[in-house]
């Protein structure tokens, strides 16, 4: 992430998933494992909003096999799109994850 920031807080406020950064940011890049951790936290927040119940954080949202498969896919997409710019790369990674989840 920009300016060396290494903290992203994920939570819910007024029926919305909220990402909080300790400083203003202009861009954010995440390694594949961190991206999955943030995605998992966001999904937990979505679930809590939809069900009205807190999610048991001791349980994984994704299986270890699924996470490994997606981390490998993100690495592949990242390698194949790295010279096309951050916006293109981010969209390609998102599209790859969304395709798997829908």
N, C-alpha and C. Protein backbone atom coordinates (compact mmCIF):
# COMPACT_ATOMS: atom_id res chain seq x y z
N UNK A 1 0.83 -1.17 0.00
CA UNK A 1 0.00 0.00 0.00
C UNK A 1 0.87 1.23 0.00
N UNK A 2 0.30 2.33 -0.38
CA UNK A 2 1.08 3.55 -0.45
C UNK A 2 1.56 3.99 0.94
N UNK A 3 2.63 4.73 0.96
CA UNK A 3 3.19 5.29 2.18
C UNK A 3 3.54 4.24 3.22
N UNK A 4 3.73 3.00 2.80
CA UNK A 4 4.14 1.97 3.72
C UNK A 4 3.06 1.49 4.68
N UNK A 5 1.83 1.87 4.47
CA UNK A 5 0.74 1.45 5.35
C UNK A 5 0.59 -0.06 5.28
N UNK A 6 0.35 -0.68 6.42
CA UNK A 6 0.16 -2.12 6.40
C UNK A 6 -1.05 -2.57 7.19
N UNK A 7 -2.00 -1.68 7.41
CA UNK A 7 -3.18 -2.03 8.19
C UNK A 7 -4.44 -1.64 7.43
N UNK A 8 -5.37 -2.58 7.34
CA UNK A 8 -6.69 -2.30 6.80
C UNK A 8 -7.69 -2.86 7.80
N UNK A 9 -8.54 -2.01 8.34
CA UNK A 9 -9.60 -2.48 9.23
C UNK A 9 -10.85 -2.68 8.40
N UNK A 10 -11.51 -3.82 8.57
CA UNK A 10 -12.74 -4.13 7.85
C UNK A 10 -13.84 -4.28 8.88
N UNK A 11 -14.97 -3.63 8.62
CA UNK A 11 -16.09 -3.73 9.54
C UNK A 11 -17.39 -3.34 8.88
N UNK A 12 -18.41 -3.16 9.71
CA UNK A 12 -19.73 -2.76 9.21
C UNK A 12 -20.16 -1.48 9.90
N UNK A 13 -20.80 -0.61 9.13
CA UNK A 13 -21.40 0.61 9.66
C UNK A 13 -22.64 0.93 8.87
N UNK A 14 -23.77 1.06 9.54
CA UNK A 14 -25.03 1.45 8.90
C UNK A 14 -25.36 0.59 7.69
N UNK A 15 -25.16 -0.72 7.80
CA UNK A 15 -25.50 -1.62 6.71
C UNK A 15 -24.53 -1.63 5.55
N UNK A 16 -23.34 -1.10 5.75
CA UNK A 16 -22.33 -1.07 4.70
C UNK A 16 -21.04 -1.70 5.21
N UNK A 17 -20.31 -2.33 4.29
CA UNK A 17 -18.97 -2.82 4.61
C UNK A 17 -18.03 -1.63 4.50
N UNK A 18 -17.20 -1.45 5.52
CA UNK A 18 -16.31 -0.29 5.56
C UNK A 18 -14.86 -0.76 5.67
N UNK A 19 -14.01 -0.20 4.82
CA UNK A 19 -12.57 -0.41 4.91
C UNK A 19 -11.96 0.86 5.48
N UNK A 20 -11.21 0.74 6.55
CA UNK A 20 -10.58 1.91 7.16
C UNK A 20 -9.07 1.75 7.10
N UNK A 21 -8.42 2.82 6.66
CA UNK A 21 -6.97 2.87 6.58
C UNK A 21 -6.49 3.91 7.59
N UNK A 22 -5.31 3.71 8.18
CA UNK A 22 -4.84 4.66 9.18
C UNK A 22 -4.46 6.03 8.61
N UNK A 23 -4.22 6.08 7.30
CA UNK A 23 -3.85 7.34 6.65
C UNK A 23 -4.61 7.45 5.33
N UNK A 24 -4.75 8.68 4.80
CA UNK A 24 -5.35 8.79 3.47
C UNK A 24 -4.50 8.02 2.46
N UNK A 25 -5.15 7.37 1.50
CA UNK A 25 -4.41 6.61 0.50
C UNK A 25 -4.81 7.05 -0.89
N UNK A 26 -3.90 6.90 -1.83
CA UNK A 26 -4.19 7.18 -3.22
C UNK A 26 -4.23 5.89 -4.03
N UNK A 27 -3.59 4.84 -3.53
CA UNK A 27 -3.63 3.54 -4.18
C UNK A 27 -3.32 2.47 -3.16
N UNK A 28 -3.64 1.24 -3.52
CA UNK A 28 -3.41 0.12 -2.62
C UNK A 28 -3.05 -1.10 -3.47
N UNK A 29 -2.01 -1.79 -3.11
CA UNK A 29 -1.66 -3.05 -3.75
C UNK A 29 -1.45 -4.08 -2.65
N UNK A 30 -1.95 -5.28 -2.87
CA UNK A 30 -1.86 -6.33 -1.86
C UNK A 30 -1.25 -7.58 -2.47
N UNK A 31 -0.43 -8.25 -1.69
CA UNK A 31 0.05 -9.55 -2.14
C UNK A 31 -1.16 -10.50 -2.11
N UNK A 32 -1.11 -11.59 -2.84
CA UNK A 32 -2.28 -12.47 -2.93
C UNK A 32 -2.83 -12.95 -1.59
N UNK A 33 -1.98 -13.32 -0.67
CA UNK A 33 -2.47 -13.82 0.62
C UNK A 33 -3.19 -12.72 1.40
N UNK A 34 -2.63 -11.53 1.41
CA UNK A 34 -3.28 -10.42 2.10
C UNK A 34 -4.60 -10.07 1.42
N UNK A 35 -4.62 -10.11 0.09
CA UNK A 35 -5.87 -9.84 -0.63
C UNK A 35 -6.96 -10.82 -0.20
N UNK A 36 -6.60 -12.08 -0.03
CA UNK A 36 -7.59 -13.06 0.42
C UNK A 36 -8.02 -12.80 1.85
N UNK A 37 -7.12 -12.38 2.70
CA UNK A 37 -7.49 -12.08 4.07
C UNK A 37 -8.46 -10.91 4.12
N UNK A 38 -8.22 -9.89 3.32
CA UNK A 38 -9.13 -8.74 3.26
C UNK A 38 -10.47 -9.18 2.68
N UNK A 39 -10.43 -9.97 1.61
CA UNK A 39 -11.67 -10.46 1.00
C UNK A 39 -12.48 -11.29 1.99
N UNK A 40 -11.79 -12.14 2.74
CA UNK A 40 -12.47 -12.97 3.73
C UNK A 40 -13.12 -12.10 4.81
N UNK A 41 -12.40 -11.08 5.26
CA UNK A 41 -12.96 -10.17 6.27
C UNK A 41 -14.17 -9.42 5.71
N UNK A 42 -14.08 -9.03 4.44
CA UNK A 42 -15.22 -8.33 3.82
C UNK A 42 -16.43 -9.26 3.72
N UNK A 43 -16.20 -10.52 3.35
CA UNK A 43 -17.30 -11.49 3.27
C UNK A 43 -17.92 -11.73 4.64
N UNK A 44 -17.11 -11.75 5.68
CA UNK A 44 -17.65 -11.89 7.03
C UNK A 44 -18.55 -10.69 7.36
N UNK A 45 -18.13 -9.51 6.98
CA UNK A 45 -18.94 -8.32 7.22
C UNK A 45 -20.23 -8.37 6.44
N UNK A 46 -20.17 -8.80 5.18
CA UNK A 46 -21.38 -8.94 4.37
C UNK A 46 -22.34 -9.92 5.03
N UNK A 47 -21.82 -11.04 5.48
CA UNK A 47 -22.65 -12.05 6.14
C UNK A 47 -23.30 -11.48 7.40
N UNK A 48 -22.53 -10.76 8.19
CA UNK A 48 -23.07 -10.17 9.42
C UNK A 48 -24.18 -9.16 9.10
N UNK A 49 -23.99 -8.38 8.04
CA UNK A 49 -25.01 -7.41 7.65
C UNK A 49 -26.27 -8.12 7.18
N UNK A 50 -26.10 -9.13 6.33
CA UNK A 50 -27.26 -9.84 5.76
C UNK A 50 -28.02 -10.64 6.80
N UNK A 51 -27.32 -11.28 7.72
CA UNK A 51 -27.99 -12.14 8.69
C UNK A 51 -28.35 -11.42 9.98
N UNK A 52 -27.71 -10.29 10.22
CA UNK A 52 -27.93 -9.57 11.47
C UNK A 52 -27.24 -10.22 12.65
N UNK A 53 -26.39 -11.21 12.37
CA UNK A 53 -25.67 -11.92 13.43
C UNK A 53 -24.17 -11.81 13.19
N UNK A 54 -23.39 -11.68 14.26
CA UNK A 54 -21.94 -11.68 14.06
C UNK A 54 -21.47 -13.05 13.55
N UNK A 55 -20.43 -13.04 12.76
CA UNK A 55 -19.88 -14.26 12.21
C UNK A 55 -18.84 -14.83 13.17
N UNK A 56 -18.83 -16.14 13.30
CA UNK A 56 -17.85 -16.81 14.14
C UNK A 56 -16.49 -16.72 13.46
N UNK A 57 -15.60 -15.89 13.99
CA UNK A 57 -14.30 -15.67 13.37
C UNK A 57 -13.37 -16.87 13.49
N UNK A 58 -13.75 -17.87 14.28
CA UNK A 58 -12.89 -19.04 14.39
C UNK A 58 -13.09 -19.98 13.20
N UNK A 59 -14.14 -19.74 12.40
CA UNK A 59 -14.40 -20.57 11.24
C UNK A 59 -13.94 -19.86 9.98
N UNK A 60 -13.39 -20.62 9.06
CA UNK A 60 -12.95 -20.07 7.78
C UNK A 60 -14.13 -19.89 6.86
N UNK A 61 -14.11 -18.82 6.09
CA UNK A 61 -15.13 -18.61 5.09
C UNK A 61 -14.84 -19.49 3.88
N UNK A 62 -13.56 -19.66 3.55
CA UNK A 62 -13.14 -20.46 2.41
C UNK A 62 -12.32 -21.65 2.90
N UNK A 63 -12.38 -22.72 2.14
CA UNK A 63 -11.54 -23.88 2.47
C UNK A 63 -10.09 -23.56 2.12
N UNK A 64 -9.18 -24.27 2.75
CA UNK A 64 -7.76 -24.07 2.46
C UNK A 64 -7.46 -24.39 1.00
N UNK A 65 -8.11 -25.40 0.44
CA UNK A 65 -7.89 -25.75 -0.97
C UNK A 65 -8.36 -24.63 -1.89
N UNK A 66 -9.50 -24.06 -1.59
CA UNK A 66 -10.02 -22.95 -2.40
C UNK A 66 -9.07 -21.76 -2.33
N UNK A 67 -8.62 -21.45 -1.13
CA UNK A 67 -7.70 -20.32 -0.97
C UNK A 67 -6.43 -20.56 -1.78
N UNK A 68 -5.88 -21.76 -1.68
CA UNK A 68 -4.66 -22.07 -2.42
C UNK A 68 -4.87 -21.94 -3.92
N UNK A 69 -6.01 -22.45 -4.41
CA UNK A 69 -6.32 -22.35 -5.84
C UNK A 69 -6.43 -20.89 -6.28
N UNK A 70 -7.09 -20.08 -5.47
CA UNK A 70 -7.26 -18.67 -5.83
C UNK A 70 -5.95 -17.89 -5.71
N UNK A 71 -5.14 -18.20 -4.72
CA UNK A 71 -3.83 -17.53 -4.59
C UNK A 71 -3.00 -17.83 -5.83
N UNK A 72 -3.01 -19.08 -6.27
CA UNK A 72 -2.26 -19.43 -7.48
C UNK A 72 -2.82 -18.72 -8.71
N UNK A 73 -4.13 -18.61 -8.80
CA UNK A 73 -4.74 -17.90 -9.92
C UNK A 73 -4.35 -16.42 -9.90
N UNK A 74 -4.36 -15.80 -8.72
CA UNK A 74 -3.99 -14.40 -8.61
C UNK A 74 -2.53 -14.20 -9.01
N UNK A 75 -1.67 -15.10 -8.60
CA UNK A 75 -0.26 -15.01 -8.99
C UNK A 75 -0.12 -15.06 -10.51
N UNK A 76 -0.84 -15.98 -11.13
CA UNK A 76 -0.79 -16.12 -12.59
C UNK A 76 -1.31 -14.85 -13.28
N UNK A 77 -2.44 -14.34 -12.83
CA UNK A 77 -3.00 -13.12 -13.42
C UNK A 77 -2.04 -11.96 -13.20
N UNK A 78 -1.49 -11.86 -12.01
CA UNK A 78 -0.55 -10.79 -11.69
C UNK A 78 0.67 -10.82 -12.61
N UNK A 79 1.23 -12.01 -12.82
CA UNK A 79 2.39 -12.13 -13.71
C UNK A 79 2.03 -11.76 -15.15
N UNK A 80 0.85 -12.18 -15.60
CA UNK A 80 0.49 -11.97 -17.01
C UNK A 80 0.02 -10.55 -17.30
N UNK A 81 -0.32 -9.77 -16.27
CA UNK A 81 -0.84 -8.41 -16.52
C UNK A 81 0.02 -7.31 -15.91
N UNK A 82 1.14 -7.66 -15.31
CA UNK A 82 1.91 -6.66 -14.55
C UNK A 82 2.37 -5.47 -15.40
N UNK A 83 2.57 -5.65 -16.69
CA UNK A 83 3.03 -4.54 -17.53
C UNK A 83 1.90 -3.70 -18.11
N UNK A 84 0.68 -3.99 -17.74
CA UNK A 84 -0.47 -3.25 -18.27
C UNK A 84 -0.98 -2.17 -17.33
N UNK A 85 -0.35 -2.01 -16.19
CA UNK A 85 -0.75 -0.97 -15.25
C UNK A 85 -1.59 -1.52 -14.11
N UNK A 86 -1.58 -0.77 -13.00
CA UNK A 86 -2.27 -1.21 -11.79
C UNK A 86 -3.77 -1.37 -11.98
N UNK A 87 -4.42 -0.43 -12.68
CA UNK A 87 -5.87 -0.50 -12.85
C UNK A 87 -6.25 -1.76 -13.63
N UNK A 88 -5.56 -2.03 -14.72
CA UNK A 88 -5.84 -3.22 -15.52
C UNK A 88 -5.60 -4.48 -14.68
N UNK A 89 -4.49 -4.50 -13.96
CA UNK A 89 -4.12 -5.64 -13.13
C UNK A 89 -5.19 -5.88 -12.06
N UNK A 90 -5.59 -4.83 -11.37
CA UNK A 90 -6.60 -4.97 -10.31
C UNK A 90 -7.91 -5.49 -10.89
N UNK A 91 -8.33 -4.98 -12.04
CA UNK A 91 -9.58 -5.43 -12.67
C UNK A 91 -9.47 -6.90 -13.07
N UNK A 92 -8.33 -7.29 -13.62
CA UNK A 92 -8.14 -8.69 -14.04
C UNK A 92 -8.19 -9.63 -12.84
N UNK A 93 -7.58 -9.24 -11.74
CA UNK A 93 -7.61 -10.06 -10.53
C UNK A 93 -9.03 -10.14 -9.99
N UNK A 94 -9.70 -9.01 -9.92
CA UNK A 94 -11.10 -9.01 -9.44
C UNK A 94 -11.97 -9.90 -10.32
N UNK A 95 -11.85 -9.74 -11.64
CA UNK A 95 -12.68 -10.54 -12.55
C UNK A 95 -12.43 -12.02 -12.35
N UNK A 96 -11.19 -12.40 -12.13
CA UNK A 96 -10.85 -13.80 -11.92
C UNK A 96 -11.49 -14.34 -10.64
N UNK A 97 -11.44 -13.57 -9.59
CA UNK A 97 -12.06 -13.99 -8.32
C UNK A 97 -13.58 -14.02 -8.46
N UNK A 98 -14.16 -12.99 -9.04
CA UNK A 98 -15.61 -12.92 -9.20
C UNK A 98 -16.12 -14.09 -10.03
N UNK A 99 -15.40 -14.46 -11.06
CA UNK A 99 -15.80 -15.58 -11.91
C UNK A 99 -15.87 -16.86 -11.09
N UNK A 100 -14.92 -17.04 -10.19
CA UNK A 100 -14.89 -18.25 -9.35
C UNK A 100 -16.03 -18.26 -8.33
N UNK A 101 -16.42 -17.09 -7.86
CA UNK A 101 -17.43 -17.00 -6.80
C UNK A 101 -18.86 -16.97 -7.32
N UNK A 102 -19.04 -16.76 -8.63
CA UNK A 102 -20.41 -16.67 -9.15
C UNK A 102 -20.78 -17.87 -9.97
